[in-house]
């Protein structure tokens, strides 16, 4: 792990998700389209420790997109890639502008634009820059303000397009229960307006209830077909620090995000364990007295995943029973991936297991396949 991320392993996990998803998206989209635009709404840099800003979201995006652009160019295929970076702080903007504008090369189809000001005030300029291309918008504020849904709606509603939003879950958890009128009002713009406290789910902890309401508003304002989120825990404590939301209108996007999510969370879990071990060594001067390879290997993440798969399995059977019309595997799997932290491959395995137990039919076997395909109708036997 790079020293640039010491004591901020959760940031590394966030950047991993951005990097890996952007890599997946840009190659998949440009395999059949000619242009794509990336928009970073709160670019920074903030807390960067690398002289080349390689530990910032904007430079991660630049490097991923330049690699993709070079890949296609080497094959004689010209693609247009646009990167748009927004920052309101004057000092940070100067650093950002100097770092990224040198990568702009419009003659080859690689465009970089920087906008100094508030994201919510730059919507028209962003729309003009994006044009009709696909857009991925990354919203990563230092708090919970600066991206009022009503003002940034045109950016969220752009189609084709997707969004990644980093909700500062730790802040949500600490402040949504406040009785301070100013703090309450500061959440209005992302929680559906005044009176949002009355719309929180009383069965959930305050932070989680606020996140769910925020996701609901994001889906509504952006007209997204699918909205999910993944939680990244703090390094030193088993509680959420970030909650990264993802909104898309494409099934392929949701499938890809769930794959990236699992890889990121597995890596984060390992880095958290290593960081804790290193800090214990620094505190005590002693290493682990036991061989960790002899200890149980099931982790907290493993337990969570097993629980989510179990819930998805139960839900699948109930959904089939409750439906008045036949359901395809694709319809079932897309809804299940929204509700639970499962990948499409997990859902295929679940269906295979249910078929082996005689609970559901297995039409895929009629064509010699081992697992269901999108169009297979799944029914209870």
Protein backbone atom coordinates (compact mmCIF):
# COMPACT_ATOMS: atom_id res chain seq x y z
CA UNK A 1 0.00 0.00 0.00
CA UNK A 2 1.33 3.46 -0.87
CA UNK A 3 2.52 5.58 2.06
CA UNK A 4 0.37 8.34 0.57
CA UNK A 5 -2.65 6.57 2.06
CA UNK A 6 -1.33 5.82 5.55
CA UNK A 7 -4.04 6.66 8.11
CA UNK A 8 -6.57 7.18 5.33
CA UNK A 9 -7.16 3.69 4.03
CA UNK A 10 -10.83 4.54 3.52
CA UNK A 11 -9.77 7.14 0.93
CA UNK A 12 -7.78 4.49 -0.87
CA UNK A 13 -10.90 2.30 -1.04
CA UNK A 14 -12.91 5.22 -2.42
CA UNK A 15 -10.26 5.91 -5.05
CA UNK A 16 -10.09 2.22 -5.94
CA UNK A 17 -13.82 2.23 -6.70
CA UNK A 18 -13.45 5.35 -8.82
CA UNK A 19 -10.43 4.03 -10.71
CA UNK A 20 -11.72 0.50 -11.34
CA UNK A 21 -15.25 1.57 -12.27
CA UNK A 22 -13.98 4.33 -14.57
CA UNK A 23 -11.66 1.82 -16.27
CA UNK A 24 -14.54 -0.60 -16.76
CA UNK A 25 -16.89 2.09 -18.00
CA UNK A 26 -14.62 3.88 -20.45
CA UNK A 27 -13.53 0.74 -22.30
CA UNK A 28 -17.01 -0.72 -22.39
CA UNK A 29 -18.66 2.49 -23.56
CA UNK A 30 -16.04 3.45 -26.13
CA UNK A 31 -16.08 -0.03 -27.64
CA UNK A 32 -19.26 1.04 -29.43
CA UNK A 33 -19.41 4.84 -28.99
CA UNK A 34 -17.10 7.67 -30.01
CA UNK A 35 -17.01 9.96 -26.97
CA UNK A 36 -17.32 10.12 -23.20
CA UNK A 37 -17.07 12.89 -20.58
CA UNK A 38 -15.95 12.72 -16.97
CA UNK A 39 -17.08 15.45 -14.55
CA UNK A 40 -15.44 15.91 -11.12
CA UNK A 41 -17.61 18.30 -9.13
CA UNK A 42 -15.35 18.87 -6.09
CA UNK A 43 -11.88 18.34 -7.47
CA UNK A 44 -9.57 19.73 -4.80
CA UNK A 45 -6.77 18.80 -4.25
CA UNK A 46 -7.34 18.10 -0.57
CA UNK A 47 -4.93 16.21 1.72
CA UNK A 48 -2.79 15.08 -1.20
CA UNK A 49 0.61 13.71 -0.18
CA UNK A 50 1.95 12.86 -3.63
CA UNK A 51 4.00 15.45 -5.49
CA UNK A 52 2.31 14.44 -8.74
CA UNK A 53 -1.19 14.37 -7.15
CA UNK A 54 -1.52 10.68 -7.98
CA UNK A 55 -3.49 10.23 -4.75
CA UNK A 56 -6.27 12.59 -5.88
CA UNK A 57 -9.46 11.79 -7.71
CA UNK A 58 -8.70 14.21 -10.55
CA UNK A 59 -5.30 12.70 -11.34
CA UNK A 60 -6.63 9.15 -11.03
CA UNK A 61 -9.26 10.07 -13.62
CA UNK A 62 -6.73 11.77 -15.91
CA UNK A 63 -4.45 8.72 -15.86
CA UNK A 64 -7.27 6.23 -16.48
CA UNK A 65 -8.74 8.25 -19.31
CA UNK A 66 -5.39 8.97 -20.96
CA UNK A 67 -4.56 5.26 -20.89
CA UNK A 68 -7.89 4.46 -22.55
CA UNK A 69 -7.39 7.21 -25.13
CA UNK A 70 -3.91 5.90 -25.97
CA UNK A 71 -5.25 2.33 -26.20
CA UNK A 72 -7.70 3.26 -28.93
CA UNK A 73 -5.27 5.59 -30.69
CA UNK A 74 -2.68 2.79 -30.91
CA UNK A 75 -5.26 0.79 -32.84
CA UNK A 76 -5.97 3.61 -35.22
CA UNK A 77 -9.34 4.43 -33.65
CA UNK A 78 -9.94 8.06 -32.72
CA UNK A 79 -12.08 8.62 -29.65
CA UNK A 80 -13.08 11.88 -27.98
CA UNK A 81 -12.60 12.00 -24.21
CA UNK A 82 -13.46 15.05 -22.14
CA UNK A 83 -12.53 15.73 -18.51
CA UNK A 84 -14.17 18.54 -16.58
CA UNK A 85 -12.90 19.60 -13.13
CA UNK A 86 -14.69 22.04 -10.83
CA UNK A 87 -13.22 23.65 -7.70
CA UNK A 88 -14.38 26.70 -5.74
CA UNK A 89 -11.34 27.31 -3.49
CA UNK A 90 -8.91 29.66 -5.22
CA UNK A 91 -5.70 28.12 -3.88
CA UNK A 92 -6.82 24.57 -4.61
CA UNK A 93 -8.04 25.59 -8.06
CA UNK A 94 -4.63 27.04 -8.96
CA UNK A 95 -2.97 23.72 -8.08
CA UNK A 96 -5.65 21.77 -9.94
CA UNK A 97 -5.42 23.91 -13.07
CA UNK A 98 -1.63 23.64 -13.21
CA UNK A 99 -1.76 19.86 -12.72
CA UNK A 100 -4.41 18.92 -15.28
CA UNK A 101 -4.44 21.46 -18.10
CA UNK A 102 -1.04 20.28 -19.33
CA UNK A 103 -2.74 16.99 -20.27
CA UNK A 104 -5.24 18.63 -22.59
CA UNK A 105 -4.62 17.82 -26.27
CA UNK A 106 -7.71 18.74 -28.31
CA UNK A 107 -5.98 17.92 -31.60
CA UNK A 108 -6.02 14.23 -30.62
CA UNK A 109 -9.47 14.33 -29.06
CA UNK A 110 -8.43 14.57 -25.38
CA UNK A 111 -10.02 17.66 -23.81
CA UNK A 112 -9.50 19.00 -20.28
CA UNK A 113 -11.52 21.89 -18.84
CA UNK A 114 -11.32 23.51 -15.40
CA UNK A 115 -14.05 25.65 -13.87
CA UNK A 116 -13.39 27.90 -10.88
CA UNK A 117 -16.48 28.30 -8.74
CA UNK A 118 -19.24 26.39 -7.04
CA UNK A 119 -20.45 23.22 -8.72
CA UNK A 120 -24.07 24.32 -8.45
CA UNK A 121 -23.21 27.58 -10.28
CA UNK A 122 -21.39 25.85 -13.14
CA UNK A 123 -24.23 23.63 -14.34
CA UNK A 124 -24.78 25.45 -17.65
CA UNK A 125 -21.05 25.42 -18.47
CA UNK A 126 -20.82 21.73 -17.60
CA UNK A 127 -23.81 20.95 -19.81
CA UNK A 128 -22.22 22.81 -22.71
CA UNK A 129 -18.94 20.95 -22.22
CA UNK A 130 -20.59 17.53 -21.98
CA UNK A 131 -22.79 18.11 -25.02
CA UNK A 132 -24.51 14.91 -26.15
CA UNK A 133 -21.79 12.53 -24.95
CA UNK A 134 -22.10 9.98 -22.17
CA UNK A 135 -21.17 11.53 -18.82
CA UNK A 136 -19.95 10.09 -15.53
CA UNK A 137 -20.32 12.68 -12.76
CA UNK A 138 -18.27 12.23 -9.58
CA UNK A 139 -19.55 14.22 -6.58
CA UNK A 140 -17.20 14.04 -3.61
CA UNK A 141 -17.70 17.02 -1.26
CA UNK A 142 -15.97 17.54 2.08
CA UNK A 143 -19.37 17.71 3.79
CA UNK A 144 -22.99 17.40 2.73
CA UNK A 145 -23.56 20.78 1.06
CA UNK A 146 -22.70 22.25 -2.31
CA UNK A 147 -24.71 19.91 -4.51
CA UNK A 148 -28.38 20.86 -4.07
CA UNK A 149 -30.36 18.44 -6.17
CA UNK A 150 -32.73 21.09 -7.47
CA UNK A 151 -29.85 23.15 -8.91
CA UNK A 152 -27.70 20.33 -10.28
CA UNK A 153 -30.68 18.37 -11.66
CA UNK A 154 -29.78 19.06 -15.34
CA UNK A 155 -26.37 17.42 -14.80
CA UNK A 156 -27.89 14.43 -12.99
CA UNK A 157 -30.62 14.04 -15.60
CA UNK A 158 -28.25 14.06 -18.56
CA UNK A 159 -28.74 10.94 -20.64
CA UNK A 160 -26.76 8.90 -21.36
CA UNK A 161 -25.07 9.36 -18.03
CA UNK A 162 -24.29 8.01 -14.58
CA UNK A 163 -23.28 9.43 -11.21
CA UNK A 164 -21.09 8.50 -8.26
CA UNK A 165 -21.81 10.43 -5.05
CA UNK A 166 -19.73 10.11 -1.90
CA UNK A 167 -22.06 10.69 1.03
CA UNK A 168 -20.06 11.52 4.13
CA UNK A 169 -21.83 8.89 6.20
CA UNK A 170 -19.91 9.74 9.37
CA UNK A 171 -21.14 13.33 9.15
CA UNK A 172 -24.69 12.20 8.41
CA UNK A 173 -24.63 9.98 11.46
CA UNK A 174 -23.35 12.74 13.70
CA UNK A 175 -25.50 15.65 12.54
CA UNK A 176 -28.88 14.46 11.25
CA UNK A 177 -30.12 14.04 14.83
CA UNK A 178 -29.23 17.65 15.64
CA UNK A 179 -31.95 20.07 16.74
CA UNK A 180 -29.98 23.10 15.49
CA UNK A 181 -32.23 24.84 12.91
CA UNK A 182 -29.22 25.82 10.76
CA UNK A 183 -27.92 22.26 10.61
CA UNK A 184 -31.40 20.90 9.89
CA UNK A 185 -31.87 23.42 7.06
CA UNK A 186 -28.45 22.54 5.61
CA UNK A 187 -29.74 19.04 4.78
CA UNK A 188 -32.87 20.29 2.99
CA UNK A 189 -31.28 20.39 -0.46
CA UNK A 190 -30.45 16.65 -0.56
CA UNK A 191 -33.19 15.21 1.66
CA UNK A 192 -36.24 16.47 -0.18
CA UNK A 193 -36.73 19.89 1.37
CA UNK A 194 -38.00 21.17 4.72
CA UNK A 195 -39.64 18.61 6.98
CA UNK A 196 -37.24 15.85 5.96
CA UNK A 197 -36.96 14.57 9.54
CA UNK A 198 -40.55 13.44 9.32
CA UNK A 199 -39.69 11.42 6.21
CA UNK A 200 -36.87 9.41 7.82
CA UNK A 201 -37.51 5.72 8.36
CA UNK A 202 -37.95 5.43 12.16
CA UNK A 203 -36.90 1.76 12.10
CA UNK A 204 -33.36 2.65 10.97
CA UNK A 205 -30.48 4.37 12.80
CA UNK A 206 -30.40 8.12 11.99
CA UNK A 207 -27.37 7.99 9.69
CA UNK A 208 -28.68 5.07 7.68
CA UNK A 209 -32.18 6.54 7.50
CA UNK A 210 -30.77 9.82 6.15
CA UNK A 211 -28.69 7.93 3.59
CA UNK A 212 -31.72 5.97 2.37
CA UNK A 213 -33.75 9.17 2.00
CA UNK A 214 -30.85 10.81 0.16
CA UNK A 215 -30.64 7.84 -2.22
CA UNK A 216 -34.38 8.01 -2.83
CA UNK A 217 -34.14 11.70 -3.69
CA UNK A 218 -31.16 11.05 -5.97
CA UNK A 219 -33.12 8.42 -7.88
CA UNK A 220 -36.11 10.73 -8.24
CA UNK A 221 -34.24 13.87 -9.27
CA UNK A 222 -31.86 12.06 -11.63
CA UNK A 223 -34.53 9.75 -13.07
CA UNK A 224 -32.18 6.81 -12.53
CA UNK A 225 -33.40 3.28 -13.05
CA UNK A 226 -31.02 1.87 -10.45
CA UNK A 227 -29.46 3.48 -7.38
CA UNK A 228 -27.29 1.53 -4.93
CA UNK A 229 -24.64 2.40 -2.36
CA UNK A 230 -21.62 0.76 -0.80
CA UNK A 231 -20.27 1.54 2.65
CA UNK A 232 -16.58 1.97 3.44
CA UNK A 233 -15.68 1.60 7.11
CA UNK A 234 -13.22 3.71 9.02
CA UNK A 235 -9.76 2.21 9.40
CA UNK A 236 -9.71 2.29 13.19
CA UNK A 237 -13.33 1.45 13.93
CA UNK A 238 -16.05 -0.87 12.66
CA UNK A 239 -18.37 1.91 11.63
CA UNK A 240 -19.05 3.58 8.28
CA UNK A 241 -16.99 6.53 7.11
CA UNK A 242 -18.09 6.86 3.48
CA UNK A 243 -21.17 5.68 1.66
CA UNK A 244 -20.64 5.79 -2.10
CA UNK A 245 -23.87 5.95 -4.08
CA UNK A 246 -24.11 4.96 -7.71
CA UNK A 247 -26.91 5.89 -10.09
CA UNK A 248 -27.40 4.45 -13.57
CA UNK A 249 -30.05 3.74 -16.17
CA UNK A 250 -28.23 0.74 -17.62
CA UNK A 251 -28.34 -2.86 -16.33
CA UNK A 252 -24.74 -3.34 -17.45
CA UNK A 253 -23.69 -0.47 -15.22
CA UNK A 254 -25.24 -2.00 -12.12
CA UNK A 255 -23.70 -5.39 -12.90
CA UNK A 256 -20.24 -3.80 -13.27
CA UNK A 257 -20.56 -1.70 -10.12
CA UNK A 258 -21.42 -4.70 -7.93
CA UNK A 259 -18.29 -6.47 -9.23
CA UNK A 260 -16.07 -3.47 -8.52
CA UNK A 261 -17.64 -3.02 -5.09
CA UNK A 262 -16.71 -6.51 -3.90
CA UNK A 263 -13.11 -6.21 -5.07
CA UNK A 264 -12.78 -2.83 -3.36
CA UNK A 265 -14.25 -4.01 -0.06
CA UNK A 266 -12.05 -7.10 0.04
CA UNK A 267 -8.97 -4.97 -0.52
CA UNK A 268 -10.09 -2.43 2.08
CA UNK A 269 -10.65 -5.16 4.67
CA UNK A 270 -7.10 -6.45 4.17
CA UNK A 271 -5.60 -2.96 4.35
CA UNK A 272 -7.53 -2.18 7.53
CA UNK A 273 -6.22 -5.35 9.17
CA UNK A 274 -2.66 -4.57 8.09
CA UNK A 275 -2.92 -0.98 9.30
CA UNK A 276 -4.21 -2.12 12.68
CA UNK A 277 -1.39 -4.66 13.01
CA UNK A 278 1.21 -2.02 12.11
CA UNK A 279 -0.15 0.42 14.66
CA UNK A 280 -0.20 -2.25 17.34
CA UNK A 281 3.45 -2.99 16.60
CA UNK A 282 4.24 0.72 16.88
CA UNK A 283 2.34 0.94 20.17
CA UNK A 284 3.79 -2.16 21.84
CA UNK A 285 7.02 -2.74 19.96
CA UNK A 286 5.95 -6.34 19.39
CA UNK A 287 4.54 -8.20 16.44
CA UNK A 288 1.69 -10.69 16.42
CA UNK A 289 2.63 -13.57 18.73
CA UNK A 290 0.53 -16.04 16.79
CA UNK A 291 0.54 -17.35 13.27
CA UNK A 292 -2.51 -15.65 11.76
CA UNK A 293 -2.75 -18.33 9.09
CA UNK A 294 -4.00 -20.72 11.80
CA UNK A 295 -6.85 -18.44 12.82
CA UNK A 296 -10.39 -18.63 11.37
CA UNK A 297 -10.47 -17.13 7.89
CA UNK A 298 -14.10 -15.99 7.80
CA UNK A 299 -14.13 -12.23 8.07
CA UNK A 300 -16.77 -9.67 8.91
CA UNK A 301 -17.14 -9.05 5.18
CA UNK A 302 -17.56 -12.78 4.53
CA UNK A 303 -20.32 -12.89 7.13
CA UNK A 304 -22.02 -9.86 5.60
CA UNK A 305 -21.86 -11.35 2.11
CA UNK A 306 -23.24 -14.68 3.32
CA UNK A 307 -26.10 -12.84 5.01
CA UNK A 308 -26.84 -10.80 1.88
CA UNK A 309 -26.87 -13.90 -0.31
CA UNK A 310 -29.21 -15.65 2.11
CA UNK A 311 -31.57 -12.67 2.06
CA UNK A 312 -31.39 -12.52 -1.74
CA UNK A 313 -32.22 -16.23 -1.96
CA UNK A 314 -35.32 -15.80 0.19
CA UNK A 315 -36.34 -12.70 -1.74
CA UNK A 316 -36.02 -14.46 -5.12
CA UNK A 317 -38.45 -17.21 -4.15
CA UNK A 318 -40.90 -14.73 -2.62
CA UNK A 319 -40.72 -12.46 -5.69
CA UNK A 320 -41.47 -15.35 -8.03
CA UNK A 321 -44.40 -16.47 -5.91
CA UNK A 322 -45.80 -12.93 -5.66
CA UNK A 323 -45.62 -12.16 -9.37
CA UNK A 324 -48.73 -12.58 -11.49
CA UNK A 325 -46.61 -12.83 -14.65
CA UNK A 326 -43.55 -14.94 -15.51
CA UNK A 327 -40.25 -13.34 -14.52
CA UNK A 328 -36.98 -13.62 -16.40
CA UNK A 329 -33.68 -14.10 -14.65
CA UNK A 330 -32.60 -10.65 -15.83
CA UNK A 331 -35.60 -8.93 -14.24
CA UNK A 332 -35.11 -10.81 -10.99
CA UNK A 333 -31.36 -10.32 -10.85
CA UNK A 334 -31.45 -6.58 -11.52
CA UNK A 335 -33.94 -5.99 -8.73
CA UNK A 336 -32.02 -8.28 -6.36
CA UNK A 337 -28.76 -6.44 -7.04
CA UNK A 338 -30.46 -3.20 -6.08
CA UNK A 339 -31.76 -4.61 -2.83
CA UNK A 340 -28.77 -6.67 -1.73
CA UNK A 341 -24.99 -6.61 -1.92
CA UNK A 342 -24.79 -9.42 -4.46
CA UNK A 343 -23.30 -9.83 -7.92
CA UNK A 344 -25.10 -11.29 -10.89
CA UNK A 345 -22.81 -14.32 -10.72
CA UNK A 346 -23.92 -14.88 -7.10
CA UNK A 347 -27.55 -14.81 -8.20
CA UNK A 348 -26.87 -17.34 -10.93
CA UNK A 349 -25.35 -19.66 -8.33
CA UNK A 350 -28.34 -19.11 -6.04
CA UNK A 351 -30.73 -20.08 -8.85
CA UNK A 352 -28.69 -23.17 -9.65
CA UNK A 353 -28.88 -24.19 -5.98
CA UNK A 354 -32.62 -23.58 -5.81
CA UNK A 355 -33.11 -25.66 -8.96
CA UNK A 356 -31.02 -28.50 -7.52
CA UNK A 357 -33.23 -28.41 -4.41
CA UNK A 358 -36.33 -28.63 -6.61
CA UNK A 359 -37.61 -25.19 -5.58
CA UNK A 360 -37.49 -23.59 -9.03
CA UNK A 361 -37.37 -24.83 -12.61
CA UNK A 362 -34.11 -24.90 -14.57
CA UNK A 363 -34.92 -24.03 -18.20
CA UNK A 364 -31.25 -23.33 -18.88
CA UNK A 365 -30.55 -27.05 -18.72
CA UNK A 366 -32.74 -27.62 -21.77
CA UNK A 367 -30.13 -25.86 -23.91
CA UNK A 368 -27.17 -27.49 -22.23
CA UNK A 369 -26.18 -24.51 -20.08
CA UNK A 370 -25.09 -24.83 -16.45
CA UNK A 371 -26.45 -21.49 -15.29
CA UNK A 372 -29.36 -19.20 -16.19
CA UNK A 373 -29.19 -16.58 -18.94
CA UNK A 374 -31.01 -13.24 -19.02
CA UNK A 375 -34.04 -14.48 -20.95
CA UNK A 376 -34.61 -17.68 -18.95
CA UNK A 377 -38.00 -17.62 -17.23
CA UNK A 378 -37.63 -18.61 -13.60
CA UNK A 379 -40.63 -20.31 -12.00
CA UNK A 380 -41.38 -22.16 -8.80
CA UNK A 381 -41.84 -25.88 -9.38
